[in-house]
Amino acid sequence: MRQEVNEFIRTSGEFDAVTDFDRILRSPYDPARMLPALDGGDHIHPNDKGMQAMADAVDLTALDCDTTG
């Protein structure tokens, strides 16, 4: 189900912008698993490096917000 939802989010065109955290965190060797270096230990939540990778992946210019105040 997770993969079906992610596919819809990625390809439906329903969203102005998408940050694909699944792509950022998943292992290239086993796409059903999180990259071990980013895994917080429970295989669900990222560790500090994973959280930083997610933050770095967000395109701030795609957000429609006021950053001046």
PDB file of N, CA and C in Angstrom:
ATOM      1  N   MET A   1       0.827  -1.189   0.000  1.00  0.00           N
ATOM      2  CA  MET A   1       0.000   0.000   0.000  1.00  0.00           C
ATOM      3  C   MET A   1       0.877   1.260   0.000  1.00  0.00           C
ATOM      4  N   ARG A   2       1.961   1.250   0.796  1.00  0.00           N
ATOM      5  CA  ARG A   2       2.862   2.414   0.858  1.00  0.00           C
ATOM      6  C   ARG A   2       3.390   2.761  -0.528  1.00  0.00           C
ATOM      7  N   GLN A   3       3.765   1.757  -1.280  1.00  0.00           N
ATOM      8  CA  GLN A   3       4.330   2.008  -2.606  1.00  0.00           C
ATOM      9  C   GLN A   3       3.276   2.545  -3.574  1.00  0.00           C
ATOM     10  N   GLU A   4       2.037   2.081  -3.440  1.00  0.00           N
ATOM     11  CA  GLU A   4       0.955   2.598  -4.283  1.00  0.00           C
ATOM     12  C   GLU A   4       0.676   4.067  -3.968  1.00  0.00           C
ATOM     13  N   VAL A   5       0.648   4.399  -2.692  1.00  0.00           N
ATOM     14  CA  VAL A   5       0.422   5.792  -2.286  1.00  0.00           C
ATOM     15  C   VAL A   5       1.570   6.669  -2.786  1.00  0.00           C
ATOM     16  N   ASN A   6       2.801   6.220  -2.601  1.00  0.00           N
ATOM     17  CA  ASN A   6       3.949   6.995  -3.066  1.00  0.00           C
ATOM     18  C   ASN A   6       3.904   7.194  -4.577  1.00  0.00           C
ATOM     19  N   GLU A   7       3.523   6.185  -5.318  1.00  0.00           N
ATOM     20  CA  GLU A   7       3.438   6.305  -6.784  1.00  0.00           C
ATOM     21  C   GLU A   7       2.394   7.356  -7.164  1.00  0.00           C
ATOM     22  N   PHE A   8       1.253   7.343  -6.491  1.00  0.00           N
ATOM     23  CA  PHE A   8       0.227   8.354  -6.753  1.00  0.00           C
ATOM     24  C   PHE A   8       0.769   9.752  -6.471  1.00  0.00           C
ATOM     25  N   ILE A   9       1.410   9.913  -5.325  1.00  0.00           N
ATOM     26  CA  ILE A   9       1.947  11.230  -4.958  1.00  0.00           C
ATOM     27  C   ILE A   9       2.968  11.706  -5.985  1.00  0.00           C
ATOM     28  N   ARG A  10       3.832  10.804  -6.425  1.00  0.00           N
ATOM     29  CA  ARG A  10       4.895  11.169  -7.374  1.00  0.00           C
ATOM     30  C   ARG A  10       4.366  11.512  -8.759  1.00  0.00           C
ATOM     31  N   THR A  11       3.326  10.831  -9.214  1.00  0.00           N
ATOM     32  CA  THR A  11       2.956  10.904 -10.629  1.00  0.00           C
ATOM     33  C   THR A  11       1.590  11.499 -10.930  1.00  0.00           C
ATOM     34  N   SER A  12       0.761  11.737  -9.940  1.00  0.00           N
ATOM     35  CA  SER A  12      -0.622  12.143 -10.214  1.00  0.00           C
ATOM     36  C   SER A  12      -0.758  13.563 -10.735  1.00  0.00           C
ATOM     37  N   GLY A  13       0.193  14.427 -10.412  1.00  0.00           N
ATOM     38  CA  GLY A  13       0.059  15.829 -10.787  1.00  0.00           C
ATOM     39  C   GLY A  13      -0.877  16.599  -9.861  1.00  0.00           C
ATOM     40  N   GLU A  14      -1.341  15.970  -8.795  1.00  0.00           N
ATOM     41  CA  GLU A  14      -2.250  16.603  -7.847  1.00  0.00           C
ATOM     42  C   GLU A  14      -1.550  17.600  -6.929  1.00  0.00           C
ATOM     43  N   PHE A  15      -0.239  17.566  -6.897  1.00  0.00           N
ATOM     44  CA  PHE A  15       0.518  18.384  -5.950  1.00  0.00           C
ATOM     45  C   PHE A  15       1.425  19.354  -6.693  1.00  0.00           C
ATOM     46  N   ASP A  16       1.596  20.540  -6.128  1.00  0.00           N
ATOM     47  CA  ASP A  16       2.465  21.545  -6.735  1.00  0.00           C
ATOM     48  C   ASP A  16       3.924  21.129  -6.698  1.00  0.00           C
ATOM     49  N   ALA A  17       4.319  20.472  -5.603  1.00  0.00           N
ATOM     50  CA  ALA A  17       5.703  20.033  -5.440  1.00  0.00           C
ATOM     51  C   ALA A  17       5.712  18.813  -4.519  1.00  0.00           C
ATOM     52  N   VAL A  18       6.703  17.986  -4.705  1.00  0.00           N
ATOM     53  CA  VAL A  18       6.834  16.772  -3.899  1.00  0.00           C
ATOM     54  C   VAL A  18       8.291  16.616  -3.488  1.00  0.00           C
ATOM     55  N   THR A  19       8.513  16.359  -2.222  1.00  0.00           N
ATOM     56  CA  THR A  19       9.829  15.952  -1.753  1.00  0.00           C
ATOM     57  C   THR A  19       9.721  14.468  -1.454  1.00  0.00           C
ATOM     58  N   ASP A  20      10.433  13.675  -2.215  1.00  0.00           N
ATOM     59  CA  ASP A  20      10.302  12.214  -2.156  1.00  0.00           C
ATOM     60  C   ASP A  20      11.226  11.647  -1.079  1.00  0.00           C
ATOM     61  N   PHE A  21      10.747  11.654   0.171  1.00  0.00           N
ATOM     62  CA  PHE A  21      11.555  11.155   1.278  1.00  0.00           C
ATOM     63  C   PHE A  21      11.827   9.657   1.144  1.00  0.00           C
ATOM     64  N   ASP A  22      10.914   8.925   0.549  1.00  0.00           N
ATOM     65  CA  ASP A  22      11.146   7.493   0.318  1.00  0.00           C
ATOM     66  C   ASP A  22      12.389   7.305  -0.540  1.00  0.00           C
ATOM     67  N   ARG A  23      12.494   8.072  -1.615  1.00  0.00           N
ATOM     68  CA  ARG A  23      13.658   7.969  -2.503  1.00  0.00           C
ATOM     69  C   ARG A  23      14.935   8.373  -1.779  1.00  0.00           C
ATOM     70  N   ILE A  24      14.847   9.383  -0.929  1.00  0.00           N
ATOM     71  CA  ILE A  24      16.012   9.879  -0.194  1.00  0.00           C
ATOM     72  C   ILE A  24      16.527   8.840   0.801  1.00  0.00           C
ATOM     73  N   LEU A  25      15.615   8.146   1.474  1.00  0.00           N
ATOM     74  CA  LEU A  25      15.994   7.257   2.574  1.00  0.00           C
ATOM     75  C   LEU A  25      16.193   5.796   2.187  1.00  0.00           C
ATOM     76  N   ARG A  26      15.627   5.344   1.076  1.00  0.00           N
ATOM     77  CA  ARG A  26      15.650   3.904   0.787  1.00  0.00           C
ATOM     78  C   ARG A  26      17.020   3.427   0.318  1.00  0.00           C
ATOM     79  N   SER A  27      17.264   2.169   0.588  1.00  0.00           N
ATOM     80  CA  SER A  27      18.511   1.536   0.192  1.00  0.00           C
ATOM     81  C   SER A  27      18.486   1.238  -1.307  1.00  0.00           C
ATOM     82  N   PRO A  28      19.531   1.578  -2.022  1.00  0.00           N
ATOM     83  CA  PRO A  28      19.574   1.231  -3.453  1.00  0.00           C
ATOM     84  C   PRO A  28      19.744  -0.278  -3.658  1.00  0.00           C
ATOM     85  N   TYR A  29      20.153  -0.970  -2.629  1.00  0.00           N
ATOM     86  CA  TYR A  29      20.388  -2.412  -2.716  1.00  0.00           C
ATOM     87  C   TYR A  29      19.139  -3.214  -2.380  1.00  0.00           C
ATOM     88  N   ASP A  30      18.247  -2.626  -1.591  1.00  0.00           N
ATOM     89  CA  ASP A  30      16.990  -3.271  -1.207  1.00  0.00           C
ATOM     90  C   ASP A  30      15.956  -2.167  -1.034  1.00  0.00           C
ATOM     91  N   PRO A  31      15.249  -1.806  -2.110  1.00  0.00           N
ATOM     92  CA  PRO A  31      14.328  -0.669  -2.074  1.00  0.00           C
ATOM     93  C   PRO A  31      13.197  -0.784  -1.044  1.00  0.00           C
ATOM     94  N   ALA A  32      12.986  -1.961  -0.494  1.00  0.00           N
ATOM     95  CA  ALA A  32      11.961  -2.129   0.528  1.00  0.00           C
ATOM     96  C   ALA A  32      12.477  -1.741   1.905  1.00  0.00           C
ATOM     97  N   ARG A  33      13.768  -1.418   1.999  1.00  0.00           N
ATOM     98  CA  ARG A  33      14.378  -1.095   3.296  1.00  0.00           C
ATOM     99  C   ARG A  33      15.017   0.288   3.269  1.00  0.00           C
ATOM    100  N   MET A  34      15.148   0.849   4.443  1.00  0.00           N
ATOM    101  CA  MET A  34      15.840   2.118   4.602  1.00  0.00           C
ATOM    102  C   MET A  34      17.351   1.884   4.518  1.00  0.00           C
ATOM    103  N   LEU A  35      18.054   2.840   3.965  1.00  0.00           N
ATOM    104  CA  LEU A  35      19.505   2.780   3.912  1.00  0.00           C
ATOM    105  C   LEU A  35      20.033   2.670   5.339  1.00  0.00           C
ATOM    106  N   PRO A  36      20.818   1.651   5.649  1.00  0.00           N
ATOM    107  CA  PRO A  36      21.263   1.447   7.038  1.00  0.00           C
ATOM    108  C   PRO A  36      21.933   2.668   7.671  1.00  0.00           C
ATOM    109  N   ALA A  37      22.677   3.431   6.905  1.00  0.00           N
ATOM    110  CA  ALA A  37      23.359   4.609   7.456  1.00  0.00           C
ATOM    111  C   ALA A  37      22.383   5.699   7.892  1.00  0.00           C
ATOM    112  N   LEU A  38      21.121   5.613   7.441  1.00  0.00           N
ATOM    113  CA  LEU A  38      20.118   6.624   7.768  1.00  0.00           C
ATOM    114  C   LEU A  38      19.038   6.096   8.704  1.00  0.00           C
ATOM    115  N   ASP A  39      19.118   4.825   9.049  1.00  0.00           N
ATOM    116  CA  ASP A  39      18.120   4.129   9.862  1.00  0.00           C
ATOM    117  C   ASP A  39      18.324   4.426  11.347  1.00  0.00           C
ATOM    118  N   GLY A  40      17.256   4.823  12.021  1.00  0.00           N
ATOM    119  CA  GLY A  40      17.315   5.111  13.447  1.00  0.00           C
ATOM    120  C   GLY A  40      17.346   3.873  14.320  1.00  0.00           C
ATOM    121  N   GLY A  41      17.236   2.701  13.717  1.00  0.00           N
ATOM    122  CA  GLY A  41      17.331   1.464  14.480  1.00  0.00           C
ATOM    123  C   GLY A  41      16.063   0.634  14.480  1.00  0.00           C
ATOM    124  N   ASP A  42      14.916   1.276  14.228  1.00  0.00           N
ATOM    125  CA  ASP A  42      13.666   0.515  14.224  1.00  0.00           C
ATOM    126  C   ASP A  42      13.202   0.182  12.808  1.00  0.00           C
ATOM    127  N   HIS A  43      13.984   0.569  11.820  1.00  0.00           N
ATOM    128  CA  HIS A  43      13.706   0.315  10.400  1.00  0.00           C
ATOM    129  C   HIS A  43      12.480   1.081   9.899  1.00  0.00           C
ATOM    130  N   ILE A  44      12.045   2.069  10.664  1.00  0.00           N
ATOM    131  CA  ILE A  44      10.903   2.897  10.273  1.00  0.00           C
ATOM    132  C   ILE A  44      11.277   4.379  10.312  1.00  0.00           C
ATOM    133  N   HIS A  45      11.958   4.783  11.384  1.00  0.00           N
ATOM    134  CA  HIS A  45      12.276   6.193  11.584  1.00  0.00           C
ATOM    135  C   HIS A  45      13.753   6.453  11.290  1.00  0.00           C
ATOM    136  N   PRO A  46      14.045   7.570  10.636  1.00  0.00           N
ATOM    137  CA  PRO A  46      15.441   7.895  10.340  1.00  0.00           C
ATOM    138  C   PRO A  46      16.196   8.362  11.576  1.00  0.00           C
ATOM    139  N   ASN A  47      17.515   8.201  11.523  1.00  0.00           N
ATOM    140  CA  ASN A  47      18.385   8.734  12.570  1.00  0.00           C
ATOM    141  C   ASN A  47      18.675  10.206  12.249  1.00  0.00           C
ATOM    142  N   ASP A  48      19.592  10.809  12.977  1.00  0.00           N
ATOM    143  CA  ASP A  48      19.918  12.221  12.745  1.00  0.00           C
ATOM    144  C   ASP A  48      20.411  12.464  11.323  1.00  0.00           C
ATOM    145  N   LYS A  49      21.227  11.560  10.794  1.00  0.00           N
ATOM    146  CA  LYS A  49      21.711  11.711   9.410  1.00  0.00           C
ATOM    147  C   LYS A  49      20.559  11.605   8.419  1.00  0.00           C
ATOM    148  N   GLY A  50      19.624  10.716   8.692  1.00  0.00           N
ATOM    149  CA  GLY A  50      18.454  10.582   7.836  1.00  0.00           C
ATOM    150  C   GLY A  50      17.580  11.823   7.871  1.00  0.00           C
ATOM    151  N   MET A  51      17.396  12.373   9.065  1.00  0.00           N
ATOM    152  CA  MET A  51      16.615  13.607   9.196  1.00  0.00           C
ATOM    153  C   MET A  51      17.291  14.750   8.440  1.00  0.00           C
ATOM    154  N   GLN A  52      18.621  14.814   8.518  1.00  0.00           N
ATOM    155  CA  GLN A  52      19.344  15.858   7.792  1.00  0.00           C
ATOM    156  C   GLN A  52      19.216  15.656   6.288  1.00  0.00           C
ATOM    157  N   ALA A  53      19.284  14.407   5.834  1.00  0.00           N
ATOM    158  CA  ALA A  53      19.119  14.113   4.407  1.00  0.00           C
ATOM    159  C   ALA A  53      17.735  14.545   3.929  1.00  0.00           C
ATOM    160  N   MET A  54      16.720  14.315   4.751  1.00  0.00           N
ATOM    161  CA  MET A  54      15.366  14.742   4.387  1.00  0.00           C
ATOM    162  C   MET A  54      15.281  16.265   4.331  1.00  0.00           C
ATOM    163  N   ALA A  55      15.843  16.933   5.325  1.00  0.00           N
ATOM    164  CA  ALA A  55      15.818  18.401   5.343  1.00  0.00           C
ATOM    165  C   ALA A  55      16.554  18.973   4.142  1.00  0.00           C
ATOM    166  N   ASP A  56      17.692  18.387   3.809  1.00  0.00           N
ATOM    167  CA  ASP A  56      18.477  18.866   2.674  1.00  0.00           C
ATOM    168  C   ASP A  56      17.750  18.662   1.346  1.00  0.00           C
ATOM    169  N   ALA A  57      16.843  17.698   1.290  1.00  0.00           N
ATOM    170  CA  ALA A  57      16.145  17.378   0.056  1.00  0.00           C
ATOM    171  C   ALA A  57      14.986  18.322  -0.247  1.00  0.00           C
ATOM    172  N   VAL A  58      14.542  19.092   0.741  1.00  0.00           N
ATOM    173  CA  VAL A  58      13.406  19.991   0.539  1.00  0.00           C
ATOM    174  C   VAL A  58      13.855  21.196  -0.278  1.00  0.00           C
ATOM    175  N   ASP A  59      13.152  21.430  -1.388  1.00  0.00           N
ATOM    176  CA  ASP A  59      13.422  22.583  -2.242  1.00  0.00           C
ATOM    177  C   ASP A  59      12.657  23.777  -1.672  1.00  0.00           C
ATOM    178  N   LEU A  60      13.339  24.617  -0.930  1.00  0.00           N
ATOM    179  CA  LEU A  60      12.684  25.740  -0.266  1.00  0.00           C
ATOM    180  C   LEU A  60      12.085  26.723  -1.255  1.00  0.00           C
ATOM    181  N   THR A  61      12.618  26.787  -2.457  1.00  0.00           N
ATOM    182  CA  THR A  61      12.053  27.703  -3.453  1.00  0.00           C
ATOM    183  C   THR A  61      10.694  27.219  -3.950  1.00  0.00           C
ATOM    184  N   ALA A  62      10.373  25.936  -3.750  1.00  0.00           N
ATOM    185  CA  ALA A  62       9.079  25.401  -4.178  1.00  0.00           C
ATOM    186  C   ALA A  62       7.985  25.692  -3.159  1.00  0.00           C
ATOM    187  N   LEU A  63       8.363  26.130  -1.970  1.00  0.00           N
ATOM    188  CA  LEU A  63       7.386  26.435  -0.934  1.00  0.00           C
ATOM    189  C   LEU A  63       6.853  27.847  -1.132  1.00  0.00           C
ATOM    190  N   ASP A  64       5.567  27.993  -1.018  1.00  0.00           N
ATOM    191  CA  ASP A  64       4.937  29.294  -1.157  1.00  0.00           C
ATOM    192  C   ASP A  64       4.744  29.888   0.229  1.00  0.00           C
ATOM    193  N   CYS A  65       5.798  30.521   0.715  1.00  0.00           N
ATOM    194  CA  CYS A  65       5.710  31.102   2.050  1.00  0.00           C
ATOM    195  C   CYS A  65       6.516  32.386   2.129  1.00  0.00           C
ATOM    196  N   ASP A  66       6.203  33.146   3.126  1.00  0.00           N
ATOM    197  CA  ASP A  66       6.903  34.408   3.350  1.00  0.00           C
ATOM    198  C   ASP A  66       8.086  34.121   4.274  1.00  0.00           C
ATOM    199  N   THR A  67       9.291  34.275   3.783  1.00  0.00           N
ATOM    200  CA  THR A  67      10.483  33.992   4.576  1.00  0.00           C
ATOM    201  C   THR A  67      11.099  35.261   5.154  1.00  0.00           C
ATOM    202  N   THR A  68      10.386  36.376   5.047  1.00  0.00           N
ATOM    203  CA  THR A  68      10.973  37.639   5.507  1.00  0.00           C
ATOM    204  C   THR A  68      10.636  37.968   6.951  1.00  0.00           C
ATOM    205  N   GLY A  69       9.761  37.232   7.583  1.00  0.00           N
ATOM    206  CA  GLY A  69       9.433  37.702   8.894  1.00  0.00           C
ATOM    207  C   GLY A  69       8.945  36.711   9.814  1.00  0.00           C
TER     208      GLY A  69
END
